[in-house]
Amino acid sequence: MALLTGKQILGAVDLPLETVQVPEWGGEVAVTTMTGAQRDAWESANVSGTGRNARVVMANIRARLAAATIVDENGKRVFTDKDAEALGKKSAAALDRVFAVAVRLNGLSEKDIEDLAGN
């Protein structure tokens, strides 16, 4: 197997999305995989403090991840980071459904969250 070129890597379509039924909201949403830069920004926004004082900010984490990963038919985010507060006031069941898909698509795990706290 030949090694990929930079052009091939940059041209690869590698941000899959998945449609999630959200009956509480009356339809469906598209949840996408974050880019590397988006994931770094999302992770950075979820850590408060530095060194031994660092901790993961769990408050409204479901809505913050949903806001970061719900996209329209063109792959553009539907919400800004600032919209997460309002989104967090929506149904917990709906947010859990979206959160579960976003976690899976983005390879997030409990260990990732623990690592955020450790770093």
C-alpha atoms as a PDB file:
ATOM      1  CA  MET A   1       0.000   0.000   0.000  1.00  0.00           C
ATOM      2  CA  ALA A   2       1.372   3.384  -1.000  1.00  0.00           C
ATOM      3  CA  LEU A   3       1.708   6.158   1.535  1.00  0.00           C
ATOM      4  CA  LEU A   4      -0.768   9.025   1.271  1.00  0.00           C
ATOM      5  CA  THR A   5       0.375  12.382   0.012  1.00  0.00           C
ATOM      6  CA  GLY A   6      -0.394  15.622   1.801  1.00  0.00           C
ATOM      7  CA  LYS A   7      -2.825  16.535  -0.967  1.00  0.00           C
ATOM      8  CA  GLN A   8      -4.675  13.235  -0.538  1.00  0.00           C
ATOM      9  CA  ILE A   9      -4.906  13.697   3.232  1.00  0.00           C
ATOM     10  CA  LEU A  10      -6.152  17.281   2.970  1.00  0.00           C
ATOM     11  CA  GLY A  11      -8.630  16.254   0.278  1.00  0.00           C
ATOM     12  CA  ALA A  12     -10.091  13.356   2.255  1.00  0.00           C
ATOM     13  CA  VAL A  13     -13.682  13.675   3.412  1.00  0.00           C
ATOM     14  CA  ASP A  14     -13.216  12.613   7.029  1.00  0.00           C
ATOM     15  CA  LEU A  15     -15.890  14.464   9.003  1.00  0.00           C
ATOM     16  CA  PRO A  16     -18.858  12.099   8.996  1.00  0.00           C
ATOM     17  CA  LEU A  17     -22.176  13.207  10.352  1.00  0.00           C
ATOM     18  CA  GLU A  18     -25.174  11.354  11.623  1.00  0.00           C
ATOM     19  CA  THR A  19     -28.838  12.265  11.702  1.00  0.00           C
ATOM     20  CA  VAL A  20     -30.435  12.015  15.137  1.00  0.00           C
ATOM     21  CA  GLN A  21     -34.176  11.829  15.701  1.00  0.00           C
ATOM     22  CA  VAL A  22     -35.215  14.293  18.410  1.00  0.00           C
ATOM     23  CA  PRO A  23     -38.972  13.937  18.903  1.00  0.00           C
ATOM     24  CA  GLU A  24     -38.913  16.425  21.768  1.00  0.00           C
ATOM     25  CA  TRP A  25     -37.866  19.075  19.232  1.00  0.00           C
ATOM     26  CA  GLY A  26     -40.228  17.851  16.527  1.00  0.00           C
ATOM     27  CA  GLY A  27     -37.742  16.456  14.036  1.00  0.00           C
ATOM     28  CA  GLU A  28     -34.129  15.531  13.485  1.00  0.00           C
ATOM     29  CA  VAL A  29     -30.719  17.159  13.671  1.00  0.00           C
ATOM     30  CA  ALA A  30     -27.384  16.435  12.036  1.00  0.00           C
ATOM     31  CA  VAL A  31     -24.483  15.830  14.417  1.00  0.00           C
ATOM     32  CA  THR A  32     -20.973  16.011  13.000  1.00  0.00           C
ATOM     33  CA  THR A  33     -17.430  15.112  13.844  1.00  0.00           C
ATOM     34  CA  MET A  34     -15.363  18.104  14.967  1.00  0.00           C
ATOM     35  CA  THR A  35     -12.168  19.072  13.199  1.00  0.00           C
ATOM     36  CA  GLY A  36      -8.945  18.749  15.160  1.00  0.00           C
ATOM     37  CA  ALA A  37      -8.914  22.499  15.812  1.00  0.00           C
ATOM     38  CA  GLN A  38     -12.560  22.490  16.914  1.00  0.00           C
ATOM     39  CA  ARG A  39     -11.958  19.618  19.324  1.00  0.00           C
ATOM     40  CA  ASP A  40      -8.922  21.354  20.814  1.00  0.00           C
ATOM     41  CA  ALA A  41     -10.977  24.520  21.334  1.00  0.00           C
ATOM     42  CA  TRP A  42     -13.871  22.556  22.848  1.00  0.00           C
ATOM     43  CA  GLU A  43     -11.539  20.707  25.212  1.00  0.00           C
ATOM     44  CA  SER A  44      -9.776  23.937  26.223  1.00  0.00           C
ATOM     45  CA  ALA A  45     -13.119  25.561  27.001  1.00  0.00           C
ATOM     46  CA  ASN A  46     -13.941  22.668  29.336  1.00  0.00           C
ATOM     47  CA  VAL A  47     -10.948  23.098  31.620  1.00  0.00           C
ATOM     48  CA  SER A  48     -10.757  25.656  34.390  1.00  0.00           C
ATOM     49  CA  GLY A  49      -7.460  26.453  36.089  1.00  0.00           C
ATOM     50  CA  THR A  50      -4.004  25.053  35.412  1.00  0.00           C
ATOM     51  CA  GLY A  51      -1.690  22.415  36.819  1.00  0.00           C
ATOM     52  CA  ARG A  52      -2.928  20.826  40.045  1.00  0.00           C
ATOM     53  CA  ASN A  53      -5.761  23.344  40.167  1.00  0.00           C
ATOM     54  CA  ALA A  54      -7.139  22.277  36.774  1.00  0.00           C
ATOM     55  CA  ARG A  55     -10.626  20.827  36.744  1.00  0.00           C
ATOM     56  CA  VAL A  56     -13.121  19.826  34.107  1.00  0.00           C
ATOM     57  CA  VAL A  57     -16.108  22.139  33.871  1.00  0.00           C
ATOM     58  CA  MET A  58     -19.023  19.726  33.720  1.00  0.00           C
ATOM     59  CA  ALA A  59     -21.768  22.348  33.993  1.00  0.00           C
ATOM     60  CA  ASN A  60     -23.915  22.246  30.849  1.00  0.00           C
ATOM     61  CA  ILE A  61     -21.433  19.963  29.081  1.00  0.00           C
ATOM     62  CA  ARG A  62     -24.183  18.187  27.103  1.00  0.00           C
ATOM     63  CA  ALA A  63     -25.497  21.431  25.656  1.00  0.00           C
ATOM     64  CA  ARG A  64     -21.980  22.734  25.002  1.00  0.00           C
ATOM     65  CA  LEU A  65     -21.094  19.622  23.001  1.00  0.00           C
ATOM     66  CA  ALA A  66     -24.445  19.696  21.180  1.00  0.00           C
ATOM     67  CA  ALA A  67     -23.880  23.348  20.265  1.00  0.00           C
ATOM     68  CA  ALA A  68     -20.437  22.471  18.929  1.00  0.00           C
ATOM     69  CA  THR A  69     -21.617  19.544  16.803  1.00  0.00           C
ATOM     70  CA  ILE A  70     -25.147  20.209  15.496  1.00  0.00           C
ATOM     71  CA  VAL A  71     -24.869  21.374  11.890  1.00  0.00           C
ATOM     72  CA  ASP A  72     -27.145  22.317   9.006  1.00  0.00           C
ATOM     73  CA  GLU A  73     -27.366  20.549   5.640  1.00  0.00           C
ATOM     74  CA  ASN A  74     -24.203  22.382   4.509  1.00  0.00           C
ATOM     75  CA  GLY A  75     -22.176  21.255   7.520  1.00  0.00           C
ATOM     76  CA  LYS A  76     -22.218  24.695   9.170  1.00  0.00           C
ATOM     77  CA  ARG A  77     -22.831  24.960  12.887  1.00  0.00           C
ATOM     78  CA  VAL A  78     -26.407  25.791  13.842  1.00  0.00           C
ATOM     79  CA  PHE A  79     -25.399  27.193  17.249  1.00  0.00           C
ATOM     80  CA  THR A  80     -22.571  29.350  18.558  1.00  0.00           C
ATOM     81  CA  ASP A  81     -20.800  28.603  21.824  1.00  0.00           C
ATOM     82  CA  LYS A  82     -22.867  31.387  23.399  1.00  0.00           C
ATOM     83  CA  ASP A  83     -26.082  29.546  22.450  1.00  0.00           C
ATOM     84  CA  ALA A  84     -25.147  26.637  24.731  1.00  0.00           C
ATOM     85  CA  GLU A  85     -26.684  28.294  27.787  1.00  0.00           C
ATOM     86  CA  ALA A  86     -30.104  28.543  26.108  1.00  0.00           C
ATOM     87  CA  LEU A  87     -29.712  25.062  24.612  1.00  0.00           C
ATOM     88  CA  GLY A  88     -29.046  23.730  28.105  1.00  0.00           C
ATOM     89  CA  LYS A  89     -32.576  24.733  29.070  1.00  0.00           C
ATOM     90  CA  LYS A  90     -34.018  22.241  26.564  1.00  0.00           C
ATOM     91  CA  SER A  91     -35.060  18.650  27.284  1.00  0.00           C
ATOM     92  CA  ALA A  92     -32.418  16.560  29.046  1.00  0.00           C
ATOM     93  CA  ALA A  93     -33.608  13.483  27.120  1.00  0.00           C
ATOM     94  CA  ALA A  94     -33.132  15.280  23.807  1.00  0.00           C
ATOM     95  CA  LEU A  95     -29.709  16.589  24.807  1.00  0.00           C
ATOM     96  CA  ASP A  96     -28.663  13.128  26.030  1.00  0.00           C
ATOM     97  CA  ARG A  97     -29.543  11.635  22.651  1.00  0.00           C
ATOM     98  CA  VAL A  98     -27.529  14.248  20.748  1.00  0.00           C
ATOM     99  CA  PHE A  99     -24.675  14.096  23.287  1.00  0.00           C
ATOM    100  CA  ALA A 100     -24.375  10.303  22.960  1.00  0.00           C
ATOM    101  CA  VAL A 101     -23.968  10.541  19.183  1.00  0.00           C
ATOM    102  CA  ALA A 102     -21.540  13.469  19.433  1.00  0.00           C
ATOM    103  CA  VAL A 103     -19.440  11.563  21.980  1.00  0.00           C
ATOM    104  CA  ARG A 104     -19.299   8.485  19.736  1.00  0.00           C
ATOM    105  CA  LEU A 105     -18.558  10.382  16.498  1.00  0.00           C
ATOM    106  CA  ASN A 106     -15.817  12.411  18.146  1.00  0.00           C
ATOM    107  CA  GLY A 107     -14.204   9.533  20.008  1.00  0.00           C
ATOM    108  CA  LEU A 108     -14.801  11.116  23.400  1.00  0.00           C
ATOM    109  CA  SER A 109     -14.846   8.906  26.448  1.00  0.00           C
ATOM    110  CA  GLU A 110     -14.839   9.171  30.225  1.00  0.00           C
ATOM    111  CA  LYS A 111     -11.065   8.793  30.023  1.00  0.00           C
ATOM    112  CA  ASP A 112     -10.886  11.805  27.686  1.00  0.00           C
ATOM    113  CA  ILE A 113     -12.774  13.859  30.255  1.00  0.00           C
ATOM    114  CA  GLU A 114     -10.463  12.603  33.029  1.00  0.00           C
ATOM    115  CA  ASP A 115      -7.440  13.433  30.866  1.00  0.00           C
ATOM    116  CA  LEU A 116      -8.755  16.966  30.433  1.00  0.00           C
ATOM    117  CA  ALA A 117      -8.730  17.354  34.207  1.00  0.00           C
ATOM    118  CA  GLY A 118      -5.221  15.900  34.431  1.00  0.00           C
ATOM    119  CA  ASN A 119      -3.793  18.171  31.729  1.00  0.00           C
END
